[in-house]
């Protein structure tokens, strides 16, 4: 999987992924995606995998990534096909029936 920065191809560290979303934060490129060999979701920062959603959440799938205040938010579905999102490594399930989460917006707390 590749993406381009100013005309130069950037190749991901893991060759068998499907990138679902890219987000640039403080000059760093974050991507959420799925590792095809096991349908496991993950997060890459500048083409290097930094988070892998495995173990109790095997068969997870990601949709969108957003980074705010150095926290990484990823939407998708868990192993039961329920909508969820991850804040860094913590999974928050949004539904108890078949569904999916496709977008994330983080609203800062007002004083």
C-alpha atoms as a PDB file:
ATOM      1  CA  UNK A   1       0.000   0.000   0.000  1.00  0.00           C
ATOM      2  CA  UNK A   2       1.320   3.429  -0.930  1.00  0.00           C
ATOM      3  CA  UNK A   3       0.425   7.063  -0.456  1.00  0.00           C
ATOM      4  CA  UNK A   4       2.142  10.099  -1.964  1.00  0.00           C
ATOM      5  CA  UNK A   5       3.674  13.189  -0.343  1.00  0.00           C
ATOM      6  CA  UNK A   6       4.605  15.983  -2.725  1.00  0.00           C
ATOM      7  CA  UNK A   7       4.822  13.514  -5.612  1.00  0.00           C
ATOM      8  CA  UNK A   8       6.979  10.934  -3.780  1.00  0.00           C
ATOM      9  CA  UNK A   9       5.539   7.469  -3.164  1.00  0.00           C
ATOM     10  CA  UNK A  10       5.522   6.324   0.467  1.00  0.00           C
ATOM     11  CA  UNK A  11       5.326   2.542   0.991  1.00  0.00           C
ATOM     12  CA  UNK A  12       3.759   1.078   4.139  1.00  0.00           C
ATOM     13  CA  UNK A  13       5.856  -1.190   6.381  1.00  0.00           C
ATOM     14  CA  UNK A  14       3.236  -3.980   6.251  1.00  0.00           C
ATOM     15  CA  UNK A  15       2.673  -5.047   2.629  1.00  0.00           C
ATOM     16  CA  UNK A  16      -0.772  -6.627   2.941  1.00  0.00           C
ATOM     17  CA  UNK A  17      -2.953  -3.832   4.283  1.00  0.00           C
ATOM     18  CA  UNK A  18      -5.962  -1.912   3.109  1.00  0.00           C
ATOM     19  CA  UNK A  19      -5.645   1.705   4.227  1.00  0.00           C
ATOM     20  CA  UNK A  20      -9.059   3.094   5.117  1.00  0.00           C
ATOM     21  CA  UNK A  21      -8.241   6.625   6.217  1.00  0.00           C
ATOM     22  CA  UNK A  22      -5.320   9.064   6.404  1.00  0.00           C
ATOM     23  CA  UNK A  23      -4.944  11.985   8.816  1.00  0.00           C
ATOM     24  CA  UNK A  24      -2.076  14.465   9.155  1.00  0.00           C
ATOM     25  CA  UNK A  25      -1.361  15.709  12.692  1.00  0.00           C
ATOM     26  CA  UNK A  26       1.643  17.873  13.625  1.00  0.00           C
ATOM     27  CA  UNK A  27       3.314  16.925  10.330  1.00  0.00           C
ATOM     28  CA  UNK A  28       2.950  13.170  10.981  1.00  0.00           C
ATOM     29  CA  UNK A  29       0.859  10.934   8.682  1.00  0.00           C
ATOM     30  CA  UNK A  30      -1.507   8.588  10.543  1.00  0.00           C
ATOM     31  CA  UNK A  31      -3.450   5.850   8.802  1.00  0.00           C
ATOM     32  CA  UNK A  32      -6.073   3.384   9.955  1.00  0.00           C
ATOM     33  CA  UNK A  33      -6.378   0.169   8.030  1.00  0.00           C
ATOM     34  CA  UNK A  34      -6.927  -3.543   7.974  1.00  0.00           C
ATOM     35  CA  UNK A  35      -4.278  -6.226   7.742  1.00  0.00           C
ATOM     36  CA  UNK A  36      -5.677  -8.455   5.008  1.00  0.00           C
ATOM     37  CA  UNK A  37      -4.109 -11.714   6.221  1.00  0.00           C
ATOM     38  CA  UNK A  38      -6.159 -11.731   9.442  1.00  0.00           C
ATOM     39  CA  UNK A  39      -8.726  -8.975   9.077  1.00  0.00           C
ATOM     40  CA  UNK A  40      -7.129  -7.259  12.055  1.00  0.00           C
ATOM     41  CA  UNK A  41      -7.314  -3.480  12.339  1.00  0.00           C
ATOM     42  CA  UNK A  42      -4.302  -1.300  12.982  1.00  0.00           C
ATOM     43  CA  UNK A  43      -2.836   2.203  13.052  1.00  0.00           C
ATOM     44  CA  UNK A  44       0.281   3.351  11.220  1.00  0.00           C
ATOM     45  CA  UNK A  45       2.285   6.520  11.891  1.00  0.00           C
ATOM     46  CA  UNK A  46       4.551   7.530   9.021  1.00  0.00           C
ATOM     47  CA  UNK A  47       4.200   4.017   7.503  1.00  0.00           C
ATOM     48  CA  UNK A  48       5.218   2.198  10.727  1.00  0.00           C
ATOM     49  CA  UNK A  49       2.575   0.201  12.574  1.00  0.00           C
ATOM     50  CA  UNK A  50       2.091   1.606  16.096  1.00  0.00           C
ATOM     51  CA  UNK A  51      -1.181  -0.059  17.181  1.00  0.00           C
ATOM     52  CA  UNK A  52      -2.683  -3.443  16.342  1.00  0.00           C
ATOM     53  CA  UNK A  53      -6.161  -4.353  17.469  1.00  0.00           C
ATOM     54  CA  UNK A  54      -5.819  -8.082  18.231  1.00  0.00           C
ATOM     55  CA  UNK A  55      -6.601 -10.597  20.976  1.00  0.00           C
ATOM     56  CA  UNK A  56     -10.159 -10.059  22.156  1.00  0.00           C
ATOM     57  CA  UNK A  57     -10.845  -7.923  19.129  1.00  0.00           C
ATOM     58  CA  UNK A  58      -9.638 -10.202  16.338  1.00  0.00           C
ATOM     59  CA  UNK A  59     -11.624  -9.744  13.147  1.00  0.00           C
ATOM     60  CA  UNK A  60     -11.875  -6.020  13.855  1.00  0.00           C
ATOM     61  CA  UNK A  61     -12.153  -3.625  10.946  1.00  0.00           C
ATOM     62  CA  UNK A  62     -11.411   0.102  10.903  1.00  0.00           C
ATOM     63  CA  UNK A  63     -13.006   2.936   8.941  1.00  0.00           C
ATOM     64  CA  UNK A  64     -11.769   6.396   9.930  1.00  0.00           C
ATOM     65  CA  UNK A  65      -8.909   7.896  11.937  1.00  0.00           C
ATOM     66  CA  UNK A  66      -8.706  11.218  13.765  1.00  0.00           C
ATOM     67  CA  UNK A  67      -5.953  12.518  16.064  1.00  0.00           C
ATOM     68  CA  UNK A  68      -6.647  15.148  18.725  1.00  0.00           C
ATOM     69  CA  UNK A  69      -4.452  16.201  21.677  1.00  0.00           C
ATOM     70  CA  UNK A  70      -2.108  13.300  20.858  1.00  0.00           C
ATOM     71  CA  UNK A  71      -4.957  10.771  21.281  1.00  0.00           C
ATOM     72  CA  UNK A  72      -5.760   8.507  18.327  1.00  0.00           C
ATOM     73  CA  UNK A  73      -9.427   7.775  17.556  1.00  0.00           C
ATOM     74  CA  UNK A  74     -10.360   5.010  15.102  1.00  0.00           C
ATOM     75  CA  UNK A  75     -13.899   3.992  14.139  1.00  0.00           C
ATOM     76  CA  UNK A  76     -14.995   0.595  12.880  1.00  0.00           C
ATOM     77  CA  UNK A  77     -16.530  -2.703  13.898  1.00  0.00           C
ATOM     78  CA  UNK A  78     -15.500  -5.307  16.457  1.00  0.00           C
ATOM     79  CA  UNK A  79     -15.456  -9.105  16.202  1.00  0.00           C
ATOM     80  CA  UNK A  80     -19.265  -9.240  16.681  1.00  0.00           C
ATOM     81  CA  UNK A  81     -19.892  -6.771  13.826  1.00  0.00           C
ATOM     82  CA  UNK A  82     -20.949  -4.084  16.345  1.00  0.00           C
ATOM     83  CA  UNK A  83     -20.107  -0.414  15.854  1.00  0.00           C
ATOM     84  CA  UNK A  84     -17.197   0.725  17.988  1.00  0.00           C
ATOM     85  CA  UNK A  85     -14.318   3.117  18.205  1.00  0.00           C
ATOM     86  CA  UNK A  86     -10.900   2.925  19.786  1.00  0.00           C
ATOM     87  CA  UNK A  87      -9.257   5.736  21.721  1.00  0.00           C
ATOM     88  CA  UNK A  88      -5.616   4.744  21.472  1.00  0.00           C
ATOM     89  CA  UNK A  89      -5.841   1.059  22.545  1.00  0.00           C
ATOM     90  CA  UNK A  90      -9.148   1.196  24.448  1.00  0.00           C
ATOM     91  CA  UNK A  91     -12.231  -0.079  22.596  1.00  0.00           C
ATOM     92  CA  UNK A  92     -15.613   1.554  23.209  1.00  0.00           C
ATOM     93  CA  UNK A  93     -18.556  -0.424  21.802  1.00  0.00           C
ATOM     94  CA  UNK A  94     -21.380   1.796  20.550  1.00  0.00           C
ATOM     95  CA  UNK A  95     -24.050  -0.797  19.758  1.00  0.00           C
ATOM     96  CA  UNK A  96     -25.151  -4.284  20.739  1.00  0.00           C
ATOM     97  CA  UNK A  97     -26.425  -5.201  17.286  1.00  0.00           C
ATOM     98  CA  UNK A  98     -24.951  -5.435  13.779  1.00  0.00           C
ATOM     99  CA  UNK A  99     -23.830  -1.934  12.807  1.00  0.00           C
ATOM    100  CA  UNK A 100     -20.750   0.076  11.911  1.00  0.00           C
ATOM    101  CA  UNK A 101     -19.147   3.398  12.819  1.00  0.00           C
ATOM    102  CA  UNK A 102     -17.896   5.348   9.827  1.00  0.00           C
ATOM    103  CA  UNK A 103     -16.738   8.731  11.148  1.00  0.00           C
ATOM    104  CA  UNK A 104     -15.420  10.409  14.299  1.00  0.00           C
ATOM    105  CA  UNK A 105     -15.464  13.989  15.529  1.00  0.00           C
ATOM    106  CA  UNK A 106     -13.855  15.047  18.801  1.00  0.00           C
ATOM    107  CA  UNK A 107     -15.325  18.147  20.392  1.00  0.00           C
ATOM    108  CA  UNK A 108     -13.096  19.881  22.933  1.00  0.00           C
ATOM    109  CA  UNK A 109     -14.510  20.524  26.402  1.00  0.00           C
ATOM    110  CA  UNK A 110     -15.394  24.139  26.986  1.00  0.00           C
ATOM    111  CA  UNK A 111     -14.249  25.819  30.217  1.00  0.00           C
END
